[in-house]
C-alpha atoms as a PDB file:
ATOM      1  CA  UNK A   1       2.273 -25.578-113.446  1.00  0.00           C
ATOM      2  CA  UNK A   2       2.404 -22.605-111.182  1.00  0.00           C
ATOM      3  CA  UNK A   3      -0.430 -20.399-112.499  1.00  0.00           C
ATOM      4  CA  UNK A   4      -2.446 -20.641-109.258  1.00  0.00           C
ATOM      5  CA  UNK A   5       0.286 -19.185-106.927  1.00  0.00           C
ATOM      6  CA  UNK A   6      -1.051 -16.389-104.807  1.00  0.00           C
ATOM      7  CA  UNK A   7       1.252 -16.610-101.752  1.00  0.00           C
ATOM      8  CA  UNK A   8       4.963 -17.165-102.175  1.00  0.00           C
ATOM      9  CA  UNK A   9       5.883 -15.612 -98.811  1.00  0.00           C
ATOM     10  CA  UNK A  10       8.743 -17.365 -97.083  1.00  0.00           C
ATOM     11  CA  UNK A  11       8.952 -19.893 -99.954  1.00  0.00           C
ATOM     12  CA  UNK A  12      12.723 -19.980 -99.946  1.00  0.00           C
ATOM     13  CA  UNK A  13      13.257 -18.588 -96.485  1.00  0.00           C
ATOM     14  CA  UNK A  14      16.396 -19.943 -94.783  1.00  0.00           C
ATOM     15  CA  UNK A  15      17.303 -21.933 -97.895  1.00  0.00           C
ATOM     16  CA  UNK A  16      20.859 -20.827 -97.377  1.00  0.00           C
ATOM     17  CA  UNK A  17      22.394 -22.825-100.192  1.00  0.00           C
ATOM     18  CA  UNK A  18      19.523 -22.362-102.693  1.00  0.00           C
ATOM     19  CA  UNK A  19      20.650 -20.877-106.102  1.00  0.00           C
ATOM     20  CA  UNK A  20      18.320 -22.493-108.716  1.00  0.00           C
ATOM     21  CA  UNK A  21      16.453 -20.834-111.546  1.00  0.00           C
ATOM     22  CA  UNK A  22      13.006 -19.651-110.618  1.00  0.00           C
ATOM     23  CA  UNK A  23      12.070 -17.922-113.892  1.00  0.00           C
ATOM     24  CA  UNK A  24       9.578 -20.718-114.625  1.00  0.00           C
ATOM     25  CA  UNK A  25       7.333 -19.509-111.684  1.00  0.00           C
ATOM     26  CA  UNK A  26       4.264 -17.754-112.947  1.00  0.00           C
ATOM     27  CA  UNK A  27       3.942 -14.848-110.639  1.00  0.00           C
ATOM     28  CA  UNK A  28       1.047 -13.022-112.265  1.00  0.00           C
ATOM     29  CA  UNK A  29      -1.450 -14.019-109.573  1.00  0.00           C
ATOM     30  CA  UNK A  30       0.782 -13.563-106.500  1.00  0.00           C
ATOM     31  CA  UNK A  31      -0.496 -11.246-103.873  1.00  0.00           C
ATOM     32  CA  UNK A  32       2.243 -11.612-101.280  1.00  0.00           C
ATOM     33  CA  UNK A  33       5.907 -12.541-101.519  1.00  0.00           C
ATOM     34  CA  UNK A  34       7.093 -11.277 -98.138  1.00  0.00           C
ATOM     35  CA  UNK A  35      10.394 -12.830 -97.131  1.00  0.00           C
ATOM     36  CA  UNK A  36      10.448 -15.024-100.196  1.00  0.00           C
ATOM     37  CA  UNK A  37      14.221 -15.104-100.503  1.00  0.00           C
ATOM     38  CA  UNK A  38      14.960 -14.089 -96.847  1.00  0.00           C
ATOM     39  CA  UNK A  39      18.272 -15.698 -95.741  1.00  0.00           C
ATOM     40  CA  UNK A  40      18.710 -17.342 -99.167  1.00  0.00           C
ATOM     41  CA  UNK A  41      22.278 -16.282 -98.796  1.00  0.00           C
ATOM     42  CA  UNK A  42      23.734 -17.470-102.147  1.00  0.00           C
ATOM     43  CA  UNK A  43      20.661 -16.963-104.350  1.00  0.00           C
ATOM     44  CA  UNK A  44      21.502 -14.951-107.503  1.00  0.00           C
ATOM     45  CA  UNK A  45      19.239 -15.961-110.352  1.00  0.00           C
ATOM     46  CA  UNK A  46      17.462 -13.660-112.922  1.00  0.00           C
ATOM     47  CA  UNK A  47      13.899 -12.748-112.340  1.00  0.00           C
ATOM     48  CA  UNK A  48      13.401 -11.068-115.693  1.00  0.00           C
ATOM     49  CA  UNK A  49      10.438 -13.192-116.724  1.00  0.00           C
ATOM     50  CA  UNK A  50       8.410 -12.213-113.603  1.00  0.00           C
ATOM     51  CA  UNK A  51       5.462  -9.860-113.659  1.00  0.00           C
ATOM     52  CA  UNK A  52       3.574  -9.280-110.408  1.00  0.00           C
ATOM     53  CA  UNK A  53       0.789  -6.774-111.138  1.00  0.00           C
ATOM     54  CA  UNK A  54      -1.359  -7.951-108.133  1.00  0.00           C
ATOM     55  CA  UNK A  55       1.406  -8.147-105.497  1.00  0.00           C
ATOM     56  CA  UNK A  56       0.640  -5.930-102.525  1.00  0.00           C
ATOM     57  CA  UNK A  57       3.362  -7.181-100.066  1.00  0.00           C
ATOM     58  CA  UNK A  58       7.067  -7.512-100.852  1.00  0.00           C
ATOM     59  CA  UNK A  59       8.370  -6.715 -97.402  1.00  0.00           C
ATOM     60  CA  UNK A  60      11.825  -8.332 -96.677  1.00  0.00           C
ATOM     61  CA  UNK A  61      11.665 -10.183 -99.963  1.00  0.00           C
ATOM     62  CA  UNK A  62      15.511 -10.152-100.261  1.00  0.00           C
ATOM     63  CA  UNK A  63      16.363  -9.684 -96.613  1.00  0.00           C
ATOM     64  CA  UNK A  64      19.803 -11.224 -96.023  1.00  0.00           C
ATOM     65  CA  UNK A  65      20.013 -12.530 -99.546  1.00  0.00           C
ATOM     66  CA  UNK A  66      23.578 -11.394 -99.616  1.00  0.00           C
ATOM     67  CA  UNK A  67      24.666 -12.377-103.062  1.00  0.00           C
ATOM     68  CA  UNK A  68      21.515 -11.397-104.994  1.00  0.00           C
ATOM     69  CA  UNK A  69      22.511  -8.848-107.656  1.00  0.00           C
ATOM     70  CA  UNK A  70      19.882  -8.969-110.399  1.00  0.00           C
ATOM     71  CA  UNK A  71      17.865  -6.258-111.918  1.00  0.00           C
ATOM     72  CA  UNK A  72      14.271  -5.967-110.508  1.00  0.00           C
ATOM     73  CA  UNK A  73      13.211  -2.754-112.090  1.00  0.00           C
ATOM     74  CA  UNK A  74      10.994  -4.592-114.623  1.00  0.00           C
ATOM     75  CA  UNK A  75       8.736  -6.006-111.760  1.00  0.00           C
ATOM     76  CA  UNK A  76       5.552  -4.014-111.587  1.00  0.00           C
ATOM     77  CA  UNK A  77       5.027  -2.587-108.064  1.00  0.00           C
ATOM     78  CA  UNK A  78       1.975  -0.388-108.713  1.00  0.00           C
ATOM     79  CA  UNK A  79      -0.112  -2.453-106.304  1.00  0.00           C
ATOM     80  CA  UNK A  80       2.495  -2.873-103.682  1.00  0.00           C
ATOM     81  CA  UNK A  81       1.880  -1.111-100.454  1.00  0.00           C
ATOM     82  CA  UNK A  82       4.495  -2.855 -98.269  1.00  0.00           C
ATOM     83  CA  UNK A  83       8.097  -3.135 -99.398  1.00  0.00           C
END
């Protein structure tokens, strides 16, 4: 169960071959996800089930995630001060 996640920063950082589904992660309580997929060069999974109303930091979340090409417009960014 992932309901207690508050910090997912660097979670998949440098996981260069990572391309597994992450839609099961409950992101409602996450405050920071900075660099979460940094250098996850082949990651390209949908994030459509994610809502992150408390997230304040998304800096470099997809930095060097070369293949990532999924919609993220549904992710709430109202609380985000650092992208």
